[in-house]
Amino acid sequence: MGVIYGGRSGEHEVSIASAAAVMANLDRARYEPVPIRIDRDGRWSLADKPPTAASASEVIEQTRAELKALRAGREVHLLPRPSEETILAIDRSHARGDDESRAIVTGVGLDVIVPVLHGPHGEDGTVQGLLELANVPYVGCGVLASAVGMDKALMKRVFGAHGLPQCAYAVVLRRRVLAEPDVVAGELEARLGLPMFVKPANLGSSVGISKARTREELVEALKLAADYDRKVVIEAAVPNAREIEVAVLGNDDPIASVPGEVVPAREFYDYEAKYLDGASRLAIPADVPDEMGERLQALAVDAFRAIDGAGLSRVDFLIDGQRGDVFVNEINTMPGFTTISMYSKLWAATGITYPELVDRLVQLALERHAEKQRLRVSAF
């Protein structure tokens, strides 16, 4: 089993912690994990040591020497074609200068791959496309669902087409933000009203997200989000919002976990609140009426099916604290996956332990791959 982690995204550290949890909780009698690290520069390697950090903050605190040791390893290339050798590992230590003839190339076959990658260049369908070309089973959503789930602008359009309840929003291109930020801010204020949340369309873990309460804050929030993506999503703030999350597991017949509530220590659940300061609280199960809990579970499954999800996702909701209205906020196709992440905690509260959860995800990946192998690839 290959476990791919790291990646070229702002969620690099979160991915390392998620992969460490996966490898630490595998049933070694059934699975032999092969740690495949993607560095920030995009280099793939077979890690000499698997990651062990339990959280993103722990990854950040590691010394440079420790990080260097984790990065050490043979160069790896995943073959973009069906083959018994899923990856090629290249040892260049015997090469001299530009002479590559002494490099040792080893083929490694993998039965299944777990791409524990968060954010762009991993959760957005790019790596999933490479795995499809290699025709290897992999855990999680496919190319389309991953791409739609990553792009909040397209996600909202798909949710709207399926009649899912959403708060008012707008999408603005980076070029326009940089060309006329004051004009854009004025239009948004007239359309959505203050306060509002401003996000890069293609990032997760609350990176680049701001809450704007004034015109001046809105202009700065737009510019910040535009630093991360060519599309910026702006949402009307939900009054006294409660953030509720539901985990989804399955392929064609998905099931939903009990709902859980995020009680942020900060004004909203930003990156620091999620991964660094440790002061935020998770209430599992969420303190909601049974009828609302069942509705949240049904909406989570509907959102999962709307993007044609597979394997796993976490669906995030906002509840109006004044009126009780429920809004689907977003879906995460590869949510944080440490043992202390909301996704795994929700399933633990529902009755599925972390090791059982990983095993189910692997079986779902094999099931979906086997189904695709039965499809005709020729008209004759």
Protein backbone atom coordinates (compact mmCIF):
# COMPACT_ATOMS: atom_id res chain seq x y z
CA MET A 1 0.00 0.00 0.00
CA GLY A 2 1.37 3.37 -1.02
CA VAL A 3 0.67 6.37 1.23
CA ILE A 4 1.28 9.66 -0.59
CA TYR A 5 1.62 12.77 1.56
CA GLY A 6 3.10 16.26 1.72
CA GLY A 7 2.42 18.05 -1.54
CA ARG A 8 2.73 21.48 -3.11
CA SER A 9 0.10 23.27 -1.06
CA GLY A 10 -0.41 25.42 1.99
CA GLU A 11 -1.71 22.30 3.74
CA HIS A 12 1.61 20.46 3.49
CA GLU A 13 2.02 20.09 7.27
CA VAL A 14 -1.55 18.91 7.78
CA SER A 15 -0.99 16.23 5.14
CA ILE A 16 2.14 14.96 6.89
CA ALA A 17 0.27 14.62 10.18
CA SER A 18 -2.64 12.85 8.46
CA ALA A 19 -0.30 10.37 6.78
CA ALA A 20 1.46 9.68 10.09
CA ALA A 21 -1.87 8.74 11.65
CA VAL A 22 -2.80 6.47 8.74
CA MET A 23 0.50 4.57 8.85
CA ALA A 24 0.51 4.29 12.64
CA ASN A 25 -2.95 2.72 12.68
CA LEU A 26 -2.70 0.24 9.82
CA ASP A 27 -3.15 -3.43 10.52
CA ARG A 28 0.40 -4.57 9.68
CA ALA A 29 -0.82 -8.15 9.33
CA ARG A 30 -2.84 -6.99 6.30
CA TYR A 31 -1.07 -3.91 4.96
CA GLU A 32 2.54 -2.99 4.30
CA PRO A 33 2.71 0.81 3.99
CA VAL A 34 5.12 2.42 1.54
CA PRO A 35 5.60 6.12 2.47
CA ILE A 36 5.79 8.33 -0.62
CA ARG A 37 6.56 11.96 0.15
CA ILE A 38 5.96 14.92 -2.14
CA ASP A 39 8.15 17.88 -1.15
CA ARG A 40 7.04 21.47 -1.52
CA ASP A 41 9.01 21.70 -4.77
CA GLY A 42 7.08 18.74 -6.19
CA ARG A 43 9.82 16.11 -5.84
CA TRP A 44 8.52 12.60 -5.11
CA SER A 45 10.61 10.28 -2.96
CA LEU A 46 10.43 7.05 -1.00
CA ALA A 47 10.84 8.32 2.54
CA ASP A 48 13.50 6.52 4.58
CA LYS A 49 11.40 7.18 7.68
CA PRO A 50 7.62 7.46 7.80
CA PRO A 51 6.21 10.64 9.37
CA THR A 52 5.31 10.49 13.05
CA ALA A 53 3.97 13.96 13.90
CA ALA A 54 0.49 13.87 15.44
CA SER A 55 -0.51 17.37 14.33
CA ALA A 56 0.39 20.18 11.94
CA SER A 57 1.80 22.21 14.83
CA GLU A 58 4.11 19.33 15.70
CA VAL A 59 5.31 19.15 12.09
CA ILE A 60 6.10 22.87 12.15
CA GLU A 61 8.02 22.48 15.42
CA GLN A 62 10.28 19.75 14.04
CA THR A 63 13.90 20.77 13.63
CA ARG A 64 15.44 21.24 10.21
CA ALA A 65 17.54 18.14 10.78
CA GLU A 66 14.46 16.04 11.48
CA LEU A 67 12.70 17.39 8.41
CA LYS A 68 15.78 16.69 6.31
CA ALA A 69 15.80 13.11 7.56
CA LEU A 70 12.13 12.73 6.65
CA ARG A 71 12.83 14.10 3.17
CA ALA A 72 15.74 11.76 2.55
CA GLY A 73 14.98 8.88 0.25
CA ARG A 74 15.10 7.54 -3.26
CA GLU A 75 13.55 9.53 -6.07
CA VAL A 76 10.19 8.12 -7.13
CA HIS A 77 8.18 8.26 -10.36
CA LEU A 78 4.66 6.91 -10.69
CA LEU A 79 4.18 5.28 -14.09
CA PRO A 80 1.27 6.92 -15.97
CA ARG A 81 0.21 3.60 -17.51
CA PRO A 82 -1.07 0.24 -16.28
CA SER A 83 1.87 -1.83 -15.04
CA GLU A 84 2.79 -4.37 -12.39
CA GLU A 85 5.42 -1.82 -11.37
CA THR A 86 3.33 1.04 -10.00
CA ILE A 87 6.30 3.24 -9.15
CA LEU A 88 9.96 3.37 -10.13
CA ALA A 89 12.43 4.17 -7.33
CA ILE A 90 15.75 5.61 -8.51
CA ASP A 91 18.91 5.44 -6.41
CA ARG A 92 21.41 7.92 -7.88
CA SER A 93 24.00 7.53 -5.13
CA HIS A 94 26.17 5.37 -7.40
CA ALA A 95 26.04 7.80 -10.33
CA ARG A 96 29.12 9.89 -11.11
CA GLY A 97 28.61 13.43 -12.31
CA ASP A 98 26.30 13.47 -15.32
CA ASP A 99 26.77 9.73 -15.88
CA GLU A 100 23.40 8.18 -14.97
CA SER A 101 24.37 4.69 -16.12
CA ARG A 102 25.23 3.66 -12.55
CA ALA A 103 21.87 4.76 -11.14
CA ILE A 104 19.84 1.84 -9.81
CA VAL A 105 16.18 1.70 -10.80
CA THR A 106 13.79 -0.51 -8.84
CA GLY A 107 10.17 -1.17 -9.73
CA VAL A 108 7.67 -1.37 -6.86
CA GLY A 109 4.17 -2.78 -7.26
CA LEU A 110 1.39 -1.32 -5.11
CA ASP A 111 -2.03 -2.91 -4.60
CA VAL A 112 -3.69 0.33 -3.53
CA ILE A 113 -2.70 3.95 -2.91
CA VAL A 114 -3.91 6.28 -0.18
CA PRO A 115 -3.36 9.87 -1.40
CA VAL A 116 -3.43 11.69 1.94
CA LEU A 117 -3.04 15.05 0.23
CA HIS A 118 -4.89 18.21 1.18
CA GLY A 119 -5.36 21.24 -1.04
CA PRO A 120 -4.12 22.00 -4.58
CA HIS A 121 -1.94 19.50 -6.47
CA GLY A 122 -3.38 16.62 -4.48
CA GLU A 123 -6.98 16.98 -3.34
CA ASP A 124 -8.09 18.74 -6.53
CA GLY A 125 -8.10 15.82 -8.97
CA THR A 126 -4.54 16.26 -10.28
CA VAL A 127 -3.01 13.28 -8.49
CA GLN A 128 -6.26 11.35 -8.93
CA GLY A 129 -5.88 11.77 -12.70
CA LEU A 130 -2.35 10.39 -12.52
CA LEU A 131 -3.60 7.40 -10.53
CA GLU A 132 -6.35 6.81 -13.10
CA LEU A 133 -3.72 6.71 -15.86
CA ALA A 134 -1.73 4.22 -13.80
CA ASN A 135 -4.94 2.19 -13.32
CA VAL A 136 -4.20 1.62 -9.65
CA PRO A 137 -6.91 1.56 -6.94
CA TYR A 138 -6.87 4.62 -4.72
CA VAL A 139 -8.76 5.85 -1.68
CA GLY A 140 -11.15 8.75 -1.98
CA CYS A 141 -13.00 10.74 -4.61
CA GLY A 142 -12.25 10.53 -8.31
CA VAL A 143 -11.01 13.24 -10.66
CA LEU A 144 -14.32 15.06 -11.15
CA ALA A 145 -15.53 15.00 -7.56
CA SER A 146 -12.10 16.05 -6.29
CA ALA A 147 -11.91 18.98 -8.71
CA VAL A 148 -15.44 20.20 -7.94
CA GLY A 149 -14.94 19.72 -4.21
CA MET A 150 -11.74 21.77 -4.30
CA ASP A 151 -13.14 24.68 -6.32
CA LYS A 152 -15.62 26.42 -4.03
CA ALA A 153 -17.05 28.48 -6.90
CA LEU A 154 -17.95 25.40 -8.97
CA MET A 155 -18.99 23.51 -5.84
CA LYS A 156 -21.56 26.15 -5.04
CA ARG A 157 -22.96 26.03 -8.57
CA VAL A 158 -23.34 22.26 -8.35
CA PHE A 159 -24.97 22.51 -4.93
CA GLY A 160 -27.33 25.17 -6.29
CA ALA A 161 -28.28 22.93 -9.21
CA HIS A 162 -29.21 20.22 -6.72
CA GLY A 163 -31.32 22.57 -4.61
CA LEU A 164 -29.09 22.47 -1.54
CA PRO A 165 -29.51 25.47 0.80
CA GLN A 166 -26.63 27.95 0.68
CA CYS A 167 -25.95 31.45 1.96
CA ALA A 168 -25.72 34.29 -0.57
CA TYR A 169 -22.34 34.45 -2.33
CA ALA A 170 -20.40 35.98 -5.20
CA VAL A 171 -17.30 35.04 -7.21
CA VAL A 172 -14.73 37.56 -8.45
CA LEU A 173 -11.63 36.95 -10.57
CA ARG A 174 -8.20 37.93 -9.25
CA ARG A 175 -7.54 40.21 -12.22
CA ARG A 176 -10.53 42.36 -11.36
CA VAL A 177 -9.66 42.43 -7.66
CA LEU A 178 -6.21 43.81 -8.46
CA ALA A 179 -7.45 46.20 -11.14
CA GLU A 180 -10.30 47.87 -9.24
CA PRO A 181 -10.51 46.62 -5.63
CA ASP A 182 -12.58 49.57 -4.38
CA VAL A 183 -15.16 49.18 -7.13
CA VAL A 184 -15.42 45.44 -6.47
CA ALA A 185 -15.76 46.02 -2.74
CA GLY A 186 -18.56 48.54 -3.30
CA GLU A 187 -20.48 46.13 -5.52
CA LEU A 188 -20.10 43.32 -3.00
CA GLU A 189 -21.21 45.48 -0.10
CA ALA A 190 -24.34 46.50 -2.00
CA ARG A 191 -25.09 42.92 -3.00
CA LEU A 192 -24.22 40.93 0.13
CA GLY A 193 -23.96 43.47 2.93
CA LEU A 194 -21.40 43.53 5.71
CA PRO A 195 -19.96 41.52 7.35
CA MET A 196 -18.85 38.88 4.85
CA PHE A 197 -16.24 36.15 4.49
CA VAL A 198 -13.67 36.20 1.70
CA LYS A 199 -11.91 33.01 0.56
CA PRO A 200 -9.60 31.73 -2.17
CA ALA A 201 -11.70 29.39 -4.32
CA ASN A 202 -9.14 26.59 -4.32
CA LEU A 203 -7.67 26.21 -0.86
CA GLY A 204 -8.63 24.44 2.33
CA SER A 205 -7.78 24.54 6.04
CA SER A 206 -9.01 28.14 6.16
CA VAL A 207 -5.83 29.41 4.47
CA GLY A 208 -6.28 32.93 3.09
CA ILE A 209 -9.74 33.39 4.62
CA SER A 210 -10.78 36.67 6.24
CA LYS A 211 -13.86 38.13 7.84
CA ALA A 212 -14.54 41.66 6.58
CA ARG A 213 -16.62 43.99 8.73
CA THR A 214 -15.83 47.29 6.95
CA ARG A 215 -15.15 48.43 3.39
CA GLU A 216 -11.46 48.78 4.19
CA GLU A 217 -11.25 45.26 5.63
CA LEU A 218 -13.08 43.93 2.60
CA VAL A 219 -10.52 45.44 0.21
CA GLU A 220 -7.65 43.90 2.20
CA ALA A 221 -9.45 40.55 2.42
CA LEU A 222 -9.96 40.48 -1.36
CA LYS A 223 -6.29 41.20 -1.96
CA LEU A 224 -5.21 38.50 0.50
CA ALA A 225 -7.44 35.84 -1.09
CA ALA A 226 -6.22 36.90 -4.54
CA ASP A 227 -2.66 36.12 -3.42
CA TYR A 228 -3.66 32.45 -3.27
CA ASP A 229 -5.97 31.93 -6.26
CA ARG A 230 -7.28 33.44 -9.48
CA LYS A 231 -10.84 33.15 -8.18
CA VAL A 232 -12.15 34.65 -4.95
CA VAL A 233 -15.36 33.52 -3.27
CA ILE A 234 -17.25 35.98 -1.08
CA GLU A 235 -20.04 34.86 1.25
CA ALA A 236 -22.59 36.77 3.27
CA ALA A 237 -21.99 36.15 6.96
CA VAL A 238 -24.58 33.97 8.72
CA PRO A 239 -25.78 35.69 11.94
CA ASN A 240 -24.40 34.09 15.12
CA ALA A 241 -23.38 31.11 13.03
CA ARG A 242 -22.80 27.66 14.49
CA GLU A 243 -20.44 25.47 12.47
CA ILE A 244 -21.63 21.86 12.26
CA GLU A 245 -19.75 19.10 10.43
CA VAL A 246 -20.85 15.66 9.24
CA ALA A 247 -18.58 12.90 7.93
CA VAL A 248 -19.61 10.77 4.95
CA LEU A 249 -18.33 7.28 4.11
CA GLY A 250 -19.12 5.05 1.14
CA ASN A 251 -19.43 4.87 -2.62
CA ASP A 252 -22.85 4.52 -4.22
CA ASP A 253 -24.60 3.96 -0.88
CA PRO A 254 -22.90 6.43 1.46
CA ILE A 255 -23.66 6.78 5.15
CA ALA A 256 -23.34 9.83 7.40
CA SER A 257 -21.86 10.14 10.88
CA VAL A 258 -23.37 11.89 13.85
CA PRO A 259 -23.01 15.69 13.52
CA GLY A 260 -20.28 17.47 15.42
CA GLU A 261 -19.88 21.14 16.26
CA VAL A 262 -16.76 23.28 16.06
CA VAL A 263 -16.59 25.84 18.86
CA PRO A 264 -13.68 28.09 17.79
CA ALA A 265 -11.60 29.93 20.34
CA ARG A 266 -11.22 32.74 17.79
CA GLU A 267 -13.93 34.70 16.04
CA PHE A 268 -13.99 32.08 13.31
CA TYR A 269 -12.28 28.75 12.64
CA ASP A 270 -9.14 29.94 10.82
CA TYR A 271 -5.89 28.02 10.24
CA GLU A 272 -4.40 28.97 13.62
CA ALA A 273 -7.57 27.96 15.45
CA LYS A 274 -7.67 24.62 13.63
CA TYR A 275 -4.06 23.53 13.89
CA LEU A 276 -1.87 25.73 16.04
CA ASP A 277 -3.34 27.24 19.20
CA GLY A 278 -5.29 24.15 20.35
CA ALA A 279 -7.88 26.24 22.17
CA SER A 280 -10.86 25.47 19.95
CA ARG A 281 -13.32 22.82 21.12
CA LEU A 282 -15.12 20.03 19.27
CA ALA A 283 -18.55 19.06 20.59
CA ILE A 284 -19.37 15.52 19.42
CA PRO A 285 -22.21 14.83 19.02
CA ALA A 286 -23.44 18.36 18.37
CA ASP A 287 -26.13 19.70 20.66
CA VAL A 288 -28.92 19.85 18.08
CA PRO A 289 -32.48 18.45 18.08
CA ASP A 290 -32.82 14.93 16.67
CA GLU A 291 -34.85 16.20 13.72
CA MET A 292 -32.15 18.72 12.78
CA GLY A 293 -29.44 16.10 13.21
CA GLU A 294 -31.22 13.78 10.79
CA ARG A 295 -31.64 16.63 8.31
CA LEU A 296 -27.94 17.46 8.51
CA GLN A 297 -27.06 13.82 7.84
CA ALA A 298 -29.42 13.69 4.85
CA LEU A 299 -28.02 16.94 3.43
CA ALA A 300 -24.46 15.66 3.88
CA VAL A 301 -25.25 12.57 1.81
CA ASP A 302 -27.02 14.75 -0.78
CA ALA A 303 -23.95 17.02 -1.07
CA PHE A 304 -21.69 13.96 -1.42
CA ARG A 305 -23.85 12.54 -4.18
CA ALA A 306 -24.17 15.94 -5.88
CA ILE A 307 -20.43 15.97 -6.68
CA ASP A 308 -20.38 12.19 -7.35
CA GLY A 309 -18.23 11.56 -4.28
CA ALA A 310 -16.53 8.29 -3.41
CA GLY A 311 -14.80 6.94 -0.34
CA LEU A 312 -14.90 9.83 2.09
CA SER A 313 -15.80 13.47 2.53
CA ARG A 314 -16.68 15.88 5.30
CA VAL A 315 -19.57 18.27 4.76
CA ASP A 316 -19.58 21.55 6.69
CA PHE A 317 -22.74 23.43 7.60
CA LEU A 318 -23.59 26.83 9.04
CA ILE A 319 -26.67 27.23 11.22
CA ASP A 320 -28.22 30.65 11.69
CA GLY A 321 -28.09 31.19 15.45
CA GLN A 322 -31.12 33.48 15.31
CA ARG A 323 -33.52 31.67 13.00
CA GLY A 324 -32.13 28.15 12.91
CA ASP A 325 -31.77 28.09 9.11
CA VAL A 326 -29.30 25.48 7.82
CA PHE A 327 -26.82 26.24 5.03
CA VAL A 328 -24.42 23.84 3.29
CA ASN A 329 -21.08 25.63 3.44
CA GLU A 330 -18.68 23.28 1.66
CA ILE A 331 -17.52 19.71 1.14
CA ASN A 332 -13.97 18.48 1.75
CA THR A 333 -13.06 15.40 -0.28
CA MET A 334 -9.89 14.68 1.71
CA PRO A 335 -10.46 16.21 5.15
CA GLY A 336 -7.85 16.31 7.87
CA PHE A 337 -7.25 12.67 8.76
CA THR A 338 -5.28 12.58 11.99
CA THR A 339 -6.68 10.67 14.96
CA ILE A 340 -7.67 14.03 16.49
CA SER A 341 -9.25 15.42 13.31
CA MET A 342 -12.99 16.02 13.16
CA TYR A 343 -13.54 13.36 10.47
CA SER A 344 -12.10 10.47 12.48
CA LYS A 345 -13.62 11.72 15.72
CA LEU A 346 -17.08 11.86 14.15
CA TRP A 347 -16.80 8.24 13.07
CA ALA A 348 -15.43 7.19 16.45
CA ALA A 349 -18.53 8.71 18.04
CA THR A 350 -20.68 6.87 15.48
CA GLY A 351 -19.05 3.55 16.30
CA ILE A 352 -16.20 3.13 13.79
CA THR A 353 -12.65 3.21 15.19
CA TYR A 354 -9.76 4.79 13.30
CA PRO A 355 -8.17 1.46 12.21
CA GLU A 356 -11.60 0.19 11.09
CA LEU A 357 -12.15 3.43 9.20
CA VAL A 358 -8.89 3.10 7.27
CA ASP A 359 -9.71 -0.51 6.44
CA ARG A 360 -13.18 0.43 5.16
CA LEU A 361 -11.71 3.15 2.97
CA VAL A 362 -9.24 0.71 1.42
CA GLN A 363 -12.03 -1.79 0.74
CA LEU A 364 -14.16 0.96 -0.82
CA ALA A 365 -11.23 1.89 -3.08
CA LEU A 366 -10.80 -1.71 -4.21
CA GLU A 367 -14.55 -2.07 -4.74
CA ARG A 368 -14.75 1.05 -6.92
CA HIS A 369 -11.65 0.07 -8.91
CA ALA A 370 -13.03 -3.41 -9.57
CA GLU A 371 -16.28 -1.87 -10.82
CA LYS A 372 -14.38 0.38 -13.25
CA GLN A 373 -12.46 -2.62 -14.59
CA ARG A 374 -15.77 -4.15 -15.70
CA LEU A 375 -16.57 -1.21 -17.97
CA ARG A 376 -16.15 -1.60 -21.73
CA VAL A 377 -13.26 0.36 -23.22
CA SER A 378 -14.07 -0.39 -26.85
CA ALA A 379 -17.18 -0.15 -29.02
CA PHE A 380 -16.34 -3.50 -30.60
